[in-house]
């Protein structure tokens, strides 16, 4: 379970980095003039990724994830 919690934390951090560094990331990746739409899309994507990471961590904390359990469901 610790590995899944670490993966959830990494996903959460990737989402936060996408939100805060959206302008710099789009300047490196995209070369077109209107980058505002790309920044907005990257921030929304980062927000969704951070929510997914937080849901993974919450599910681990509350015991909602039954990975590698010995019981068969």
N, C-alpha and C. Protein backbone atom coordinates (compact mmCIF):
# COMPACT_ATOMS: atom_id res chain seq x y z
N UNK A 1 0.80 -1.19 0.00
CA UNK A 1 0.00 0.00 0.00
C UNK A 1 0.85 1.27 0.00
N UNK A 2 2.02 1.18 0.56
CA UNK A 2 2.90 2.35 0.60
C UNK A 2 3.31 2.78 -0.81
N UNK A 3 3.50 1.81 -1.69
CA UNK A 3 3.89 2.15 -3.06
C UNK A 3 2.77 2.91 -3.77
N UNK A 4 1.54 2.49 -3.57
CA UNK A 4 0.41 3.17 -4.19
C UNK A 4 0.25 4.57 -3.61
N UNK A 5 0.49 4.72 -2.31
CA UNK A 5 0.42 6.05 -1.70
C UNK A 5 1.51 6.97 -2.25
N UNK A 6 2.68 6.43 -2.47
CA UNK A 6 3.77 7.23 -3.06
C UNK A 6 3.43 7.63 -4.48
N UNK A 7 2.85 6.72 -5.24
CA UNK A 7 2.43 7.03 -6.61
C UNK A 7 1.36 8.12 -6.60
N UNK A 8 0.41 8.04 -5.67
CA UNK A 8 -0.61 9.08 -5.55
C UNK A 8 -0.03 10.44 -5.22
N UNK A 9 0.99 10.45 -4.35
CA UNK A 9 1.64 11.71 -3.99
C UNK A 9 2.41 12.28 -5.17
N UNK A 10 3.07 11.43 -5.94
CA UNK A 10 3.80 11.89 -7.12
C UNK A 10 2.85 12.46 -8.16
N UNK A 11 1.70 11.79 -8.36
CA UNK A 11 0.69 12.31 -9.30
C UNK A 11 0.18 13.66 -8.83
N UNK A 12 -0.04 13.81 -7.53
CA UNK A 12 -0.48 15.08 -6.97
C UNK A 12 0.55 16.17 -7.20
N UNK A 13 1.81 15.86 -7.00
CA UNK A 13 2.87 16.86 -7.20
C UNK A 13 3.01 17.24 -8.68
N UNK A 14 2.85 16.29 -9.58
CA UNK A 14 2.90 16.60 -11.02
C UNK A 14 1.78 17.57 -11.39
N UNK A 15 0.60 17.33 -10.84
CA UNK A 15 -0.53 18.24 -11.11
C UNK A 15 -0.27 19.63 -10.60
N UNK A 16 0.30 19.76 -9.42
CA UNK A 16 0.59 21.08 -8.85
C UNK A 16 1.67 21.79 -9.66
N UNK A 17 2.68 21.04 -10.11
CA UNK A 17 3.72 21.65 -10.95
C UNK A 17 3.13 22.14 -12.26
N UNK A 18 2.19 21.39 -12.82
CA UNK A 18 1.53 21.84 -14.06
C UNK A 18 0.77 23.14 -13.85
N UNK A 19 0.15 23.28 -12.69
CA UNK A 19 -0.61 24.49 -12.41
C UNK A 19 0.31 25.70 -12.26
N UNK A 20 1.34 25.56 -11.45
CA UNK A 20 2.19 26.71 -11.14
C UNK A 20 3.15 27.08 -12.27
N UNK A 21 3.61 26.13 -13.02
CA UNK A 21 4.59 26.41 -14.08
C UNK A 21 3.97 26.32 -15.48
N UNK A 22 2.68 26.56 -15.60
CA UNK A 22 2.00 26.43 -16.89
C UNK A 22 2.57 27.39 -17.93
N UNK A 23 2.84 28.61 -17.54
CA UNK A 23 3.34 29.60 -18.50
C UNK A 23 4.72 29.21 -19.03
N UNK A 24 5.62 28.79 -18.15
CA UNK A 24 6.96 28.40 -18.58
C UNK A 24 6.94 27.13 -19.42
N UNK A 25 6.07 26.19 -19.06
CA UNK A 25 5.98 24.94 -19.82
C UNK A 25 5.48 25.21 -21.23
N UNK A 26 4.47 26.06 -21.36
CA UNK A 26 3.94 26.35 -22.69
C UNK A 26 4.92 27.14 -23.54
N UNK A 27 5.73 27.98 -22.93
CA UNK A 27 6.75 28.71 -23.70
C UNK A 27 7.80 27.76 -24.25
N UNK A 28 8.11 26.69 -23.51
CA UNK A 28 9.10 25.72 -23.97
C UNK A 28 8.53 24.79 -25.03
N UNK A 29 7.29 24.38 -24.87
CA UNK A 29 6.71 23.36 -25.75
C UNK A 29 6.11 23.98 -27.01
N UNK A 30 5.29 25.01 -26.84
CA UNK A 30 4.56 25.59 -27.97
C UNK A 30 5.27 26.82 -28.48
N UNK A 31 5.23 27.00 -29.79
CA UNK A 31 5.90 28.15 -30.37
C UNK A 31 4.93 29.14 -31.03
N UNK A 32 3.64 28.88 -30.94
CA UNK A 32 2.70 29.79 -31.57
C UNK A 32 2.47 31.01 -30.69
N UNK A 33 1.91 32.06 -31.30
CA UNK A 33 1.79 33.34 -30.64
C UNK A 33 0.78 33.37 -29.51
N UNK A 34 -0.38 32.76 -29.70
CA UNK A 34 -1.43 32.83 -28.67
C UNK A 34 -1.28 31.64 -27.72
N UNK A 35 -0.59 31.87 -26.62
CA UNK A 35 -0.33 30.79 -25.67
C UNK A 35 -1.31 30.79 -24.50
N UNK A 36 -2.19 31.76 -24.46
CA UNK A 36 -3.12 31.84 -23.32
C UNK A 36 -4.04 30.63 -23.25
N UNK A 37 -4.49 30.14 -24.40
CA UNK A 37 -5.36 28.98 -24.41
C UNK A 37 -4.61 27.73 -23.95
N UNK A 38 -3.36 27.62 -24.34
CA UNK A 38 -2.56 26.48 -23.92
C UNK A 38 -2.28 26.53 -22.42
N UNK A 39 -2.05 27.72 -21.88
CA UNK A 39 -1.82 27.88 -20.44
C UNK A 39 -3.08 27.49 -19.68
N UNK A 40 -4.22 27.94 -20.16
CA UNK A 40 -5.49 27.60 -19.51
C UNK A 40 -5.72 26.09 -19.54
N UNK A 41 -5.49 25.46 -20.68
CA UNK A 41 -5.68 24.01 -20.79
C UNK A 41 -4.72 23.25 -19.88
N UNK A 42 -3.48 23.71 -19.78
CA UNK A 42 -2.51 23.05 -18.92
C UNK A 42 -2.86 23.22 -17.44
N UNK A 43 -3.40 24.36 -17.07
CA UNK A 43 -3.81 24.56 -15.68
C UNK A 43 -5.01 23.68 -15.32
N UNK A 44 -5.95 23.56 -16.23
CA UNK A 44 -7.11 22.68 -16.00
C UNK A 44 -6.66 21.23 -15.91
N UNK A 45 -5.75 20.83 -16.80
CA UNK A 45 -5.23 19.47 -16.77
C UNK A 45 -4.47 19.20 -15.47
N UNK A 46 -3.67 20.15 -15.02
CA UNK A 46 -2.96 20.01 -13.76
C UNK A 46 -3.90 19.91 -12.58
N UNK A 47 -4.99 20.66 -12.62
CA UNK A 47 -5.99 20.59 -11.55
C UNK A 47 -6.63 19.21 -11.49
N UNK A 48 -6.99 18.68 -12.66
CA UNK A 48 -7.62 17.35 -12.71
C UNK A 48 -6.63 16.27 -12.26
N UNK A 49 -5.38 16.39 -12.67
CA UNK A 49 -4.36 15.41 -12.26
C UNK A 49 -4.14 15.48 -10.74
N UNK A 50 -4.13 16.67 -10.16
CA UNK A 50 -3.94 16.78 -8.72
C UNK A 50 -5.13 16.22 -7.96
N UNK A 51 -6.33 16.38 -8.49
CA UNK A 51 -7.51 15.78 -7.86
C UNK A 51 -7.42 14.26 -7.89
N UNK A 52 -6.97 13.70 -9.01
CA UNK A 52 -6.81 12.24 -9.11
C UNK A 52 -5.78 11.74 -8.10
N UNK A 53 -4.67 12.44 -7.96
CA UNK A 53 -3.66 12.06 -6.98
C UNK A 53 -4.19 12.12 -5.56
N UNK A 54 -4.99 13.15 -5.27
CA UNK A 54 -5.56 13.26 -3.92
C UNK A 54 -6.58 12.17 -3.65
N UNK A 55 -7.36 11.79 -4.66
CA UNK A 55 -8.32 10.70 -4.48
C UNK A 55 -7.61 9.39 -4.20
N UNK A 56 -6.48 9.16 -4.87
CA UNK A 56 -5.70 7.94 -4.60
C UNK A 56 -5.23 7.93 -3.15
N UNK A 57 -4.69 9.05 -2.68
CA UNK A 57 -4.21 9.11 -1.30
C UNK A 57 -5.35 8.98 -0.29
N UNK A 58 -6.48 9.57 -0.59
CA UNK A 58 -7.64 9.47 0.31
C UNK A 58 -8.14 8.03 0.38
N UNK A 59 -8.19 7.36 -0.76
CA UNK A 59 -8.66 5.98 -0.78
C UNK A 59 -7.72 5.07 0.00
N UNK A 60 -6.43 5.32 -0.08
CA UNK A 60 -5.46 4.53 0.68
C UNK A 60 -5.64 4.80 2.18
N UNK A 61 -5.81 6.05 2.54
CA UNK A 61 -5.94 6.41 3.96
C UNK A 61 -7.19 5.82 4.58
N UNK A 62 -8.29 5.83 3.86
CA UNK A 62 -9.56 5.33 4.38
C UNK A 62 -9.72 3.82 4.21
N UNK A 63 -8.78 3.18 3.53
CA UNK A 63 -8.87 1.74 3.34
C UNK A 63 -9.86 1.33 2.27
N UNK A 64 -10.11 2.20 1.32
CA UNK A 64 -11.07 1.89 0.27
C UNK A 64 -10.46 1.10 -0.88
N UNK A 65 -9.14 1.00 -0.91
CA UNK A 65 -8.45 0.29 -1.97
C UNK A 65 -8.01 -1.05 -1.42
N UNK A 66 -8.42 -2.11 -2.09
CA UNK A 66 -8.11 -3.45 -1.64
C UNK A 66 -7.10 -4.12 -2.55
N UNK A 67 -6.05 -3.41 -2.88
CA UNK A 67 -5.02 -3.98 -3.73
C UNK A 67 -4.19 -4.96 -2.94
N UNK A 68 -3.84 -6.02 -3.55
CA UNK A 68 -2.99 -7.06 -2.97
C UNK A 68 -3.55 -7.65 -1.69
N UNK A 69 -4.87 -7.65 -1.57
CA UNK A 69 -5.46 -8.26 -0.39
C UNK A 69 -5.57 -9.77 -0.59
N UNK A 70 -5.59 -10.50 0.50
CA UNK A 70 -5.64 -11.95 0.42
C UNK A 70 -7.06 -12.47 0.25
N UNK A 71 -8.04 -11.62 0.51
CA UNK A 71 -9.42 -12.02 0.34
C UNK A 71 -9.79 -11.92 -1.13
N UNK A 72 -10.63 -12.82 -1.58
CA UNK A 72 -11.12 -12.72 -2.95
C UNK A 72 -12.51 -12.11 -2.93
N UNK A 73 -12.71 -11.10 -3.73
CA UNK A 73 -13.99 -10.40 -3.75
C UNK A 73 -14.76 -10.76 -4.98
